[in-house]
Structures are given as C-alpha cells and as structure tokens.
Amino acid sequence: MSTAQLVVNILLIISSLVMIVSVLLQKGDDDAMSALTGGSSDSFFGKNKAKTAQGRLALLTKISASVFVALALLMIFID
C-alpha cells in the first residue's frame, strides 16, 4: 500500500465518521407530514433554517458526503 493510498484511506474514514455523526445528530423531519395535510412550513424559522444548528448539521452532512464520494472516486485512480 502506497503512502497516497494510506492518506486517502484515512481521509475516507474520517469523512465517513463525520457524515455518520452529523446524520445521527439531526432531528427527524416532522414537516414532511404537514405538507401532505396542507400545513405550511413558511414560518420565520423555516425561512431561516440555514442559520440554526440543524441547518449547519445539514450543510455538514452535504459537505462530508461530497468529500466521501470524491475520495471514493479518487481511490479508483490511485495505483
């Protein structure tokens, strides 16, 4: 195993752990059922969700998932 493979493997493990923790810390989506019954989620808190802790966790999940996919694809090309 080369040094590059070792570094990418370690980064892949770290990004997967960050993704797992960020998904587990998020709240469930209760607004999904209210959309079916005609409820509105256009409240002040719904519009400013990106500034809350849940919004930051969602952003962290998206970033860590993107890093995970990029590293997994990079592993294909490292020989």
N, C-alpha and C. Protein backbone atom coordinates (compact mmCIF):
# COMPACT_ATOMS: atom_id res chain seq x y z
N MET A 1 0.85 -1.17 0.00
CA MET A 1 0.00 0.00 0.00
C MET A 1 0.90 1.24 0.00
N SER A 2 0.65 2.11 -0.94
CA SER A 2 1.47 3.31 -1.05
C SER A 2 1.02 4.36 -0.04
N THR A 3 1.84 5.39 0.09
CA THR A 3 1.55 6.47 1.02
C THR A 3 0.28 7.21 0.62
N ALA A 4 0.08 7.42 -0.68
CA ALA A 4 -1.11 8.12 -1.16
C ALA A 4 -2.38 7.33 -0.83
N GLN A 5 -2.33 6.03 -0.99
CA GLN A 5 -3.49 5.20 -0.65
C GLN A 5 -3.78 5.25 0.84
N LEU A 6 -2.74 5.25 1.66
CA LEU A 6 -2.91 5.31 3.10
C LEU A 6 -3.55 6.64 3.52
N VAL A 7 -3.08 7.73 2.95
CA VAL A 7 -3.62 9.05 3.27
C VAL A 7 -5.09 9.14 2.85
N VAL A 8 -5.41 8.68 1.65
CA VAL A 8 -6.79 8.73 1.16
C VAL A 8 -7.68 7.82 2.00
N ASN A 9 -7.18 6.67 2.41
CA ASN A 9 -7.97 5.77 3.27
C ASN A 9 -8.28 6.42 4.61
N ILE A 10 -7.30 7.09 5.19
CA ILE A 10 -7.53 7.76 6.48
C ILE A 10 -8.54 8.89 6.32
N LEU A 11 -8.40 9.68 5.25
CA LEU A 11 -9.36 10.77 5.00
C LEU A 11 -10.76 10.22 4.71
N LEU A 12 -10.83 9.09 4.06
CA LEU A 12 -12.12 8.45 3.77
C LEU A 12 -12.80 7.99 5.06
N ILE A 13 -12.03 7.44 5.97
CA ILE A 13 -12.58 7.01 7.26
C ILE A 13 -13.06 8.21 8.07
N ILE A 14 -12.26 9.27 8.09
CA ILE A 14 -12.65 10.48 8.83
C ILE A 14 -13.92 11.10 8.26
N SER A 15 -14.00 11.20 6.93
CA SER A 15 -15.19 11.79 6.32
C SER A 15 -16.43 10.92 6.54
N SER A 16 -16.25 9.61 6.56
CA SER A 16 -17.41 8.74 6.82
C SER A 16 -17.88 8.87 8.27
N LEU A 17 -16.95 9.00 9.21
CA LEU A 17 -17.34 9.18 10.61
C LEU A 17 -18.03 10.52 10.83
N VAL A 18 -17.55 11.57 10.18
CA VAL A 18 -18.20 12.89 10.28
C VAL A 18 -19.60 12.82 9.71
N MET A 19 -19.76 12.13 8.59
CA MET A 19 -21.07 12.01 7.97
C MET A 19 -22.03 11.23 8.87
N ILE A 20 -21.57 10.16 9.46
CA ILE A 20 -22.41 9.35 10.35
C ILE A 20 -22.86 10.16 11.55
N VAL A 21 -21.93 10.86 12.18
CA VAL A 21 -22.26 11.65 13.37
C VAL A 21 -23.21 12.79 13.02
N SER A 22 -22.97 13.47 11.90
CA SER A 22 -23.84 14.59 11.54
C SER A 22 -25.25 14.13 11.19
N VAL A 23 -25.39 12.96 10.60
CA VAL A 23 -26.73 12.44 10.30
C VAL A 23 -27.44 12.03 11.59
N LEU A 24 -26.72 11.41 12.50
CA LEU A 24 -27.35 10.97 13.74
C LEU A 24 -27.75 12.12 14.66
N LEU A 25 -27.07 13.26 14.55
CA LEU A 25 -27.40 14.40 15.40
C LEU A 25 -28.58 15.22 14.88
N GLN A 26 -28.98 14.99 13.64
CA GLN A 26 -30.09 15.76 13.06
C GLN A 26 -31.42 15.29 13.61
N LYS A 27 -32.35 16.24 13.70
CA LYS A 27 -33.71 15.90 14.11
C LYS A 27 -34.45 15.26 12.95
N GLY A 28 -35.53 14.54 13.27
CA GLY A 28 -36.37 13.98 12.24
C GLY A 28 -37.15 15.08 11.54
N ASP A 29 -37.61 14.82 10.33
CA ASP A 29 -38.33 15.82 9.55
C ASP A 29 -39.83 15.69 9.81
N ASP A 30 -40.33 16.46 10.76
CA ASP A 30 -41.75 16.43 11.09
C ASP A 30 -42.58 17.24 10.10
N ASP A 31 -41.94 18.13 9.33
CA ASP A 31 -42.67 18.96 8.39
C ASP A 31 -43.13 18.18 7.17
N ALA A 32 -42.61 17.01 6.94
CA ALA A 32 -42.99 16.23 5.76
C ALA A 32 -44.46 15.80 5.84
N MET A 33 -44.92 15.43 7.00
CA MET A 33 -46.31 15.02 7.14
C MET A 33 -47.26 16.22 7.07
N SER A 34 -46.83 17.38 7.55
CA SER A 34 -47.70 18.55 7.49
C SER A 34 -47.87 19.04 6.06
N ALA A 35 -46.91 18.76 5.20
CA ALA A 35 -47.05 19.14 3.80
C ALA A 35 -48.14 18.31 3.12
N LEU A 36 -48.31 17.08 3.57
CA LEU A 36 -49.37 16.24 2.99
C LEU A 36 -50.76 16.67 3.44
N THR A 37 -50.85 17.18 4.65
CA THR A 37 -52.15 17.57 5.18
C THR A 37 -52.49 19.03 4.90
N GLY A 38 -51.61 19.73 4.21
CA GLY A 38 -51.90 21.11 3.87
C GLY A 38 -51.29 22.12 4.81
N GLY A 39 -50.46 21.68 5.73
CA GLY A 39 -49.81 22.62 6.65
C GLY A 39 -48.73 23.40 5.93
N SER A 40 -48.42 24.57 6.44
CA SER A 40 -47.44 25.42 5.81
C SER A 40 -46.17 25.46 6.65
N SER A 41 -45.03 25.39 6.00
CA SER A 41 -43.76 25.47 6.71
C SER A 41 -43.05 26.78 6.38
N ASP A 42 -43.80 27.80 5.94
CA ASP A 42 -43.21 29.08 5.59
C ASP A 42 -43.18 30.02 6.78
N SER A 43 -42.80 29.52 7.91
CA SER A 43 -42.70 30.34 9.10
C SER A 43 -41.34 31.04 9.12
N PHE A 44 -41.15 31.88 10.10
CA PHE A 44 -39.87 32.57 10.25
C PHE A 44 -38.74 31.58 10.43
N PHE A 45 -38.97 30.54 11.22
CA PHE A 45 -37.93 29.56 11.48
C PHE A 45 -37.67 28.68 10.26
N GLY A 46 -38.68 28.45 9.45
CA GLY A 46 -38.49 27.68 8.24
C GLY A 46 -37.66 28.41 7.20
N LYS A 47 -37.82 29.73 7.14
CA LYS A 47 -37.07 30.53 6.18
C LYS A 47 -35.62 30.74 6.60
N ASN A 48 -35.36 30.74 7.90
CA ASN A 48 -34.01 30.98 8.41
C ASN A 48 -33.37 29.71 8.94
N LYS A 49 -33.70 28.60 8.34
CA LYS A 49 -33.21 27.31 8.84
C LYS A 49 -31.70 27.17 8.67
N ALA A 50 -31.13 27.81 7.67
CA ALA A 50 -29.69 27.67 7.42
C ALA A 50 -28.85 28.28 8.53
N LYS A 51 -29.43 29.17 9.33
CA LYS A 51 -28.68 29.81 10.40
C LYS A 51 -28.78 29.05 11.72
N THR A 52 -29.58 28.03 11.78
CA THR A 52 -29.75 27.27 13.01
C THR A 52 -28.74 26.14 13.08
N ALA A 53 -28.70 25.47 14.21
CA ALA A 53 -27.80 24.32 14.37
C ALA A 53 -28.20 23.19 13.41
N GLN A 54 -29.49 23.02 13.21
CA GLN A 54 -29.94 21.97 12.29
C GLN A 54 -29.53 22.28 10.85
N GLY A 55 -29.55 23.55 10.49
CA GLY A 55 -29.11 23.94 9.16
C GLY A 55 -27.63 23.70 8.96
N ARG A 56 -26.85 24.00 10.00
CA ARG A 56 -25.41 23.74 9.91
C ARG A 56 -25.11 22.25 9.87
N LEU A 57 -25.88 21.45 10.59
CA LEU A 57 -25.69 19.99 10.52
C LEU A 57 -26.03 19.46 9.14
N ALA A 58 -27.08 20.00 8.53
CA ALA A 58 -27.45 19.58 7.18
C ALA A 58 -26.35 19.95 6.19
N LEU A 59 -25.78 21.14 6.35
CA LEU A 59 -24.68 21.55 5.47
C LEU A 59 -23.45 20.67 5.69
N LEU A 60 -23.15 20.36 6.94
CA LEU A 60 -22.02 19.48 7.24
C LEU A 60 -22.22 18.09 6.64
N THR A 61 -23.46 17.61 6.66
CA THR A 61 -23.76 16.30 6.06
C THR A 61 -23.53 16.33 4.56
N LYS A 62 -23.98 17.40 3.91
CA LYS A 62 -23.79 17.51 2.46
C LYS A 62 -22.32 17.60 2.09
N ILE A 63 -21.57 18.38 2.85
CA ILE A 63 -20.14 18.53 2.56
C ILE A 63 -19.39 17.22 2.80
N SER A 64 -19.67 16.55 3.91
CA SER A 64 -18.96 15.30 4.19
C SER A 64 -19.35 14.20 3.20
N ALA A 65 -20.60 14.20 2.74
CA ALA A 65 -20.99 13.22 1.73
C ALA A 65 -20.28 13.49 0.41
N SER A 66 -20.14 14.76 0.06
CA SER A 66 -19.43 15.11 -1.18
C SER A 66 -17.96 14.73 -1.10
N VAL A 67 -17.35 14.99 0.05
CA VAL A 67 -15.94 14.62 0.25
C VAL A 67 -15.78 13.11 0.21
N PHE A 68 -16.72 12.40 0.81
CA PHE A 68 -16.68 10.93 0.81
C PHE A 68 -16.73 10.38 -0.61
N VAL A 69 -17.65 10.90 -1.42
CA VAL A 69 -17.78 10.42 -2.80
C VAL A 69 -16.53 10.77 -3.60
N ALA A 70 -16.02 11.97 -3.42
CA ALA A 70 -14.82 12.37 -4.16
C ALA A 70 -13.62 11.50 -3.78
N LEU A 71 -13.47 11.21 -2.50
CA LEU A 71 -12.35 10.36 -2.07
C LEU A 71 -12.53 8.92 -2.55
N ALA A 72 -13.77 8.45 -2.56
CA ALA A 72 -14.01 7.09 -3.06
C ALA A 72 -13.68 6.99 -4.54
N LEU A 73 -14.02 8.02 -5.29
CA LEU A 73 -13.67 8.02 -6.72
C LEU A 73 -12.16 8.16 -6.91
N LEU A 74 -11.51 8.93 -6.05
CA LEU A 74 -10.07 9.07 -6.12
C LEU A 74 -9.35 7.75 -5.85
N MET A 75 -9.93 6.94 -4.98
CA MET A 75 -9.33 5.63 -4.68
C MET A 75 -9.27 4.73 -5.90
N ILE A 76 -10.19 4.93 -6.82
CA ILE A 76 -10.19 4.11 -8.04
C ILE A 76 -8.95 4.39 -8.88
N PHE A 77 -8.56 5.66 -8.92
CA PHE A 77 -7.49 6.06 -9.82
C PHE A 77 -6.10 5.98 -9.20
N ILE A 78 -6.01 5.79 -7.90
CA ILE A 78 -4.69 5.68 -7.24
C ILE A 78 -4.20 4.25 -7.39
N ASP A 79 -3.03 4.12 -7.90
CA ASP A 79 -2.42 2.79 -8.05
C ASP A 79 -1.17 2.65 -7.26
